[in-house]
Amino acid sequence: MDALFWRLHTSYLLNDRNASEKFLSMIVDEQLKSPFNLRDEIGGRNYNRYLRIKSNVENGCYSRLYGSGAANPLETPCSYETDKEEAEFHLELMARPAALFSLIDVPSDAIVVHELELAEYGRCDFVFRHGKTVTALEVKMGESPTSVVSQIDKYRLGLELDMCLNLYDTVRAFVLAGGFGPYVTSELSRSEVGMVIHRGSPDELRLLNARDQAVLA
């Protein structure tokens, strides 16, 4: 059943509707033939994902599994520009991570991977592994471009597809930038992506929005 769930999970995330319906039917049939506690099989957090996937497949809705869509658009902040190179800023963040860790709620003993390759989903600037949680962080030097909305979505999708390895069961996402325009602010908040503003220094960081509890928590 654990394997069936992860096949369903993968096909759902990839928007493979025929496969999603097939694997969901297999799980439901197995439950009818020999009742058992699926929550015990796959864990409470993954069971919540299963219930949302099941409901969405049955309703023909293949939306993402994060974000309720109920978040109010945030006020667009002012932007800060810097002539510092992004690679240089990355090194400073790695050398002085304490302030950033505190803002995005990552413990000091988290495993940090710089520029993690996620196959066809691209290269994420920073990925933090802490307990059963993974946090993706994309860094922009000036105002974040509108493309960052799809960019961070790809990284989160790539990490969610690897949840079947059972190394983690929660994927979070943040964008760190010198500023956020109205469209980016609205769309990132809708998708529960945290936003952090910088002025070109790890010592000058500000969390734009307090992240709501994930729907699936």
Protein backbone atom coordinates (compact mmCIF):
# COMPACT_ATOMS: atom_id res chain seq x y z
CA MET A 1 0.00 0.00 0.00
CA ASP A 2 2.91 2.31 0.68
CA ALA A 3 4.16 1.74 -2.87
CA LEU A 4 0.67 2.31 -4.32
CA PHE A 5 0.36 5.58 -2.46
CA TRP A 6 3.65 6.88 -3.84
CA ARG A 7 2.67 5.84 -7.37
CA LEU A 8 -0.56 7.79 -6.90
CA HIS A 9 1.37 10.72 -5.41
CA THR A 10 3.81 10.88 -8.33
CA SER A 11 1.17 10.55 -11.05
CA TYR A 12 -0.94 13.25 -9.37
CA LEU A 13 1.96 15.71 -9.12
CA LEU A 14 2.81 15.09 -12.78
CA ASN A 15 -0.84 15.63 -13.76
CA ASP A 16 -1.11 12.10 -15.20
CA ARG A 17 -4.85 11.77 -14.74
CA ASN A 18 -5.32 8.26 -16.08
CA ALA A 19 -2.61 6.88 -13.83
CA SER A 20 -3.94 8.85 -10.84
CA GLU A 21 -7.42 7.40 -11.28
CA LYS A 22 -5.97 3.89 -11.67
CA PHE A 23 -3.81 3.98 -8.56
CA LEU A 24 -6.53 5.61 -6.48
CA SER A 25 -8.97 2.88 -7.53
CA MET A 26 -6.44 0.23 -6.56
CA ILE A 27 -6.02 1.72 -3.09
CA VAL A 28 -9.78 2.05 -2.58
CA ASP A 29 -10.36 -1.53 -3.78
CA GLU A 30 -7.71 -2.87 -1.41
CA GLN A 31 -9.32 -1.03 1.49
CA LEU A 32 -12.70 -2.57 0.65
CA LYS A 33 -11.31 -6.10 0.35
CA SER A 34 -9.22 -6.05 3.51
CA PRO A 35 -9.86 -3.09 5.79
CA PHE A 36 -6.71 -1.66 7.36
CA ASN A 37 -5.51 1.66 8.68
CA LEU A 38 -3.89 3.48 5.76
CA ARG A 39 -2.75 6.23 8.12
CA ASP A 40 -0.62 3.68 9.97
CA GLU A 41 0.84 2.47 6.67
CA ILE A 42 1.97 5.82 5.28
CA GLY A 43 2.05 8.15 8.31
CA GLY A 44 -0.25 10.95 9.40
CA ARG A 45 1.16 13.75 7.26
CA ASN A 46 1.19 11.64 4.12
CA TYR A 47 -2.31 10.40 4.92
CA ASN A 48 -3.50 14.03 4.89
CA ARG A 49 -1.90 14.38 1.45
CA TYR A 50 -3.69 11.20 0.36
CA LEU A 51 -7.08 12.54 1.48
CA ARG A 52 -6.55 15.76 -0.47
CA ILE A 53 -5.36 13.87 -3.56
CA LYS A 54 -8.33 11.49 -3.32
CA SER A 55 -10.80 14.36 -3.06
CA ASN A 56 -9.19 16.24 -5.96
CA VAL A 57 -9.04 13.20 -8.26
CA GLU A 58 -12.67 12.35 -7.56
CA ASN A 59 -13.64 15.95 -8.35
CA GLY A 60 -11.41 16.16 -11.44
CA CYS A 61 -9.30 18.88 -9.82
CA TYR A 62 -5.52 18.49 -10.12
CA SER A 63 -4.39 21.57 -8.22
CA ARG A 64 -1.17 21.75 -6.21
CA LEU A 65 -1.22 20.29 -2.70
CA TYR A 66 0.02 23.40 -0.94
CA GLY A 67 -1.74 26.67 -0.33
CA SER A 68 -5.43 27.07 0.38
CA GLY A 69 -5.78 29.97 -2.05
CA ALA A 70 -7.39 31.95 0.79
CA ALA A 71 -4.35 34.09 1.65
CA ASN A 72 -4.91 37.82 1.30
CA PRO A 73 -2.59 39.68 -1.10
CA LEU A 74 0.15 41.50 0.78
CA GLU A 75 1.09 45.13 0.46
CA THR A 76 3.94 45.47 -2.04
CA PRO A 77 7.13 46.54 -0.25
CA CYS A 78 9.78 48.92 -1.52
CA SER A 79 12.70 47.42 -3.43
CA TYR A 80 16.40 47.59 -2.69
CA GLU A 81 19.05 47.48 -5.37
CA THR A 82 22.65 46.33 -5.01
CA ASP A 83 25.57 46.01 -7.37
CA LYS A 84 26.83 42.93 -5.54
CA GLU A 85 27.12 39.74 -7.58
CA GLU A 86 24.76 36.94 -6.63
CA ALA A 87 27.60 34.42 -6.25
CA GLU A 88 29.28 36.73 -3.73
CA PHE A 89 26.04 37.09 -1.80
CA HIS A 90 25.63 33.30 -1.72
CA LEU A 91 29.06 32.99 -0.07
CA GLU A 92 28.13 35.59 2.53
CA LEU A 93 24.89 33.78 3.32
CA MET A 94 26.77 30.51 3.79
CA ALA A 95 29.37 32.18 6.01
CA ARG A 96 26.78 33.95 8.19
CA PRO A 97 23.60 31.87 8.10
CA ALA A 98 22.25 32.52 11.62
CA ALA A 99 19.95 35.46 10.79
CA LEU A 100 18.52 33.75 7.72
CA PHE A 101 17.96 30.47 9.57
CA SER A 102 16.02 32.29 12.27
CA LEU A 103 13.78 34.11 9.79
CA ILE A 104 12.80 31.01 7.81
CA ASP A 105 12.51 28.81 10.90
CA VAL A 106 15.38 26.47 10.08
CA PRO A 107 17.39 25.05 13.01
CA SER A 108 21.11 25.81 13.23
CA ASP A 109 22.03 22.15 12.75
CA ALA A 110 20.16 21.83 9.44
CA ILE A 111 21.95 20.22 6.51
CA VAL A 112 22.57 22.89 3.83
CA VAL A 113 22.97 22.03 0.16
CA HIS A 114 24.10 24.86 -2.10
CA GLU A 115 22.87 24.84 -5.70
CA LEU A 116 21.10 21.50 -5.61
CA GLU A 117 20.43 20.00 -9.05
CA LEU A 118 16.83 18.83 -9.38
CA ALA A 119 17.15 17.19 -12.81
CA GLU A 120 14.73 18.76 -15.30
CA TYR A 121 13.34 21.07 -12.60
CA GLY A 122 16.52 23.14 -12.46
CA ARG A 123 19.06 24.15 -9.83
CA CYS A 124 17.78 25.49 -6.52
CA ASP A 125 20.07 28.02 -4.82
CA PHE A 126 19.73 26.56 -1.32
CA VAL A 127 18.01 23.50 0.11
CA PHE A 128 17.88 22.96 3.88
CA ARG A 129 17.19 19.54 5.37
CA HIS A 130 16.04 19.50 8.98
CA GLY A 131 14.31 16.51 10.50
CA LYS A 132 11.47 15.43 8.24
CA THR A 133 11.30 18.85 6.56
CA VAL A 134 13.02 20.26 3.48
CA THR A 135 13.10 23.98 2.74
CA ALA A 136 13.89 25.38 -0.72
CA LEU A 137 15.26 28.93 -1.01
CA GLU A 138 15.76 30.91 -4.22
CA VAL A 139 17.91 34.07 -4.10
CA LYS A 140 17.54 37.17 -6.30
CA MET A 141 19.69 40.27 -5.98
CA GLY A 142 17.31 43.04 -7.04
CA GLU A 143 13.53 42.95 -7.38
CA SER A 144 12.41 39.40 -8.04
CA PRO A 145 11.33 38.82 -11.67
CA THR A 146 7.85 37.47 -12.37
CA SER A 147 9.50 34.22 -13.51
CA VAL A 148 10.40 33.43 -9.89
CA VAL A 149 6.79 32.30 -9.31
CA SER A 150 7.14 29.35 -11.70
CA GLN A 151 10.80 28.86 -10.76
CA ILE A 152 10.19 28.19 -7.06
CA ASP A 153 7.13 26.12 -7.97
CA LYS A 154 9.34 23.84 -10.08
CA TYR A 155 11.83 23.39 -7.26
CA ARG A 156 9.12 22.52 -4.79
CA LEU A 157 7.59 20.05 -7.25
CA GLY A 158 10.97 18.38 -7.80
CA LEU A 159 11.44 17.99 -4.05
CA GLU A 160 7.89 16.71 -3.55
CA LEU A 161 8.45 14.00 -6.15
CA ASP A 162 11.34 12.72 -4.02
CA MET A 163 9.17 12.40 -0.93
CA CYS A 164 8.69 8.73 -1.84
CA LEU A 165 12.22 8.11 -0.53
CA ASN A 166 10.75 8.70 2.96
CA LEU A 167 13.59 11.03 3.95
CA TYR A 168 11.14 13.89 4.56
CA ASP A 169 7.40 14.52 4.51
CA THR A 170 7.16 18.32 4.32
CA VAL A 171 8.44 20.71 1.62
CA ARG A 172 8.56 24.46 2.29
CA ALA A 173 9.65 27.27 -0.03
CA PHE A 174 11.05 30.80 0.27
CA VAL A 175 12.31 33.53 -2.06
CA LEU A 176 14.98 35.99 -0.88
CA ALA A 177 15.14 39.17 -2.95
CA GLY A 178 15.75 42.90 -2.89
CA GLY A 179 12.03 43.44 -3.49
CA PHE A 180 8.79 41.95 -4.76
CA GLY A 181 6.38 43.45 -7.29
CA PRO A 182 2.58 43.29 -6.92
CA TYR A 183 2.11 40.20 -9.11
CA VAL A 184 4.95 38.26 -7.48
CA THR A 185 3.84 39.22 -3.97
CA SER A 186 0.28 38.13 -4.65
CA GLU A 187 1.16 34.82 -6.32
CA LEU A 188 3.83 33.76 -3.83
CA SER A 189 1.56 34.47 -0.87
CA ARG A 190 -1.25 32.52 -2.57
CA SER A 191 1.10 29.52 -2.86
CA GLU A 192 2.42 29.82 0.71
CA VAL A 193 5.91 30.78 -0.41
CA GLY A 194 7.66 32.88 2.23
CA MET A 195 9.29 36.14 1.13
CA VAL A 196 12.43 37.66 2.67
CA ILE A 197 13.79 41.08 1.69
CA HIS A 198 17.52 41.82 1.80
CA ARG A 199 19.63 44.93 1.23
CA GLY A 200 22.62 43.04 -0.10
CA SER A 201 23.78 41.86 3.30
CA PRO A 202 22.98 38.81 5.48
CA ASP A 203 22.73 41.27 8.38
CA GLU A 204 19.82 43.17 6.82
CA LEU A 205 17.02 40.68 6.27
CA ARG A 206 13.29 41.10 6.85
CA LEU A 207 10.54 38.52 6.58
CA LEU A 208 7.77 40.05 4.49
CA ASN A 209 5.00 37.70 5.51
CA ALA A 210 4.46 35.37 8.41
CA ARG A 211 3.89 31.95 6.86
CA ASP A 212 0.53 30.40 7.64
CA GLN A 213 0.44 26.84 8.89
CA ALA A 214 0.52 24.51 5.89
CA VAL A 215 -2.88 23.13 4.97
CA LEU A 216 -1.48 19.62 5.21
CA ALA A 217 0.25 20.03 8.57
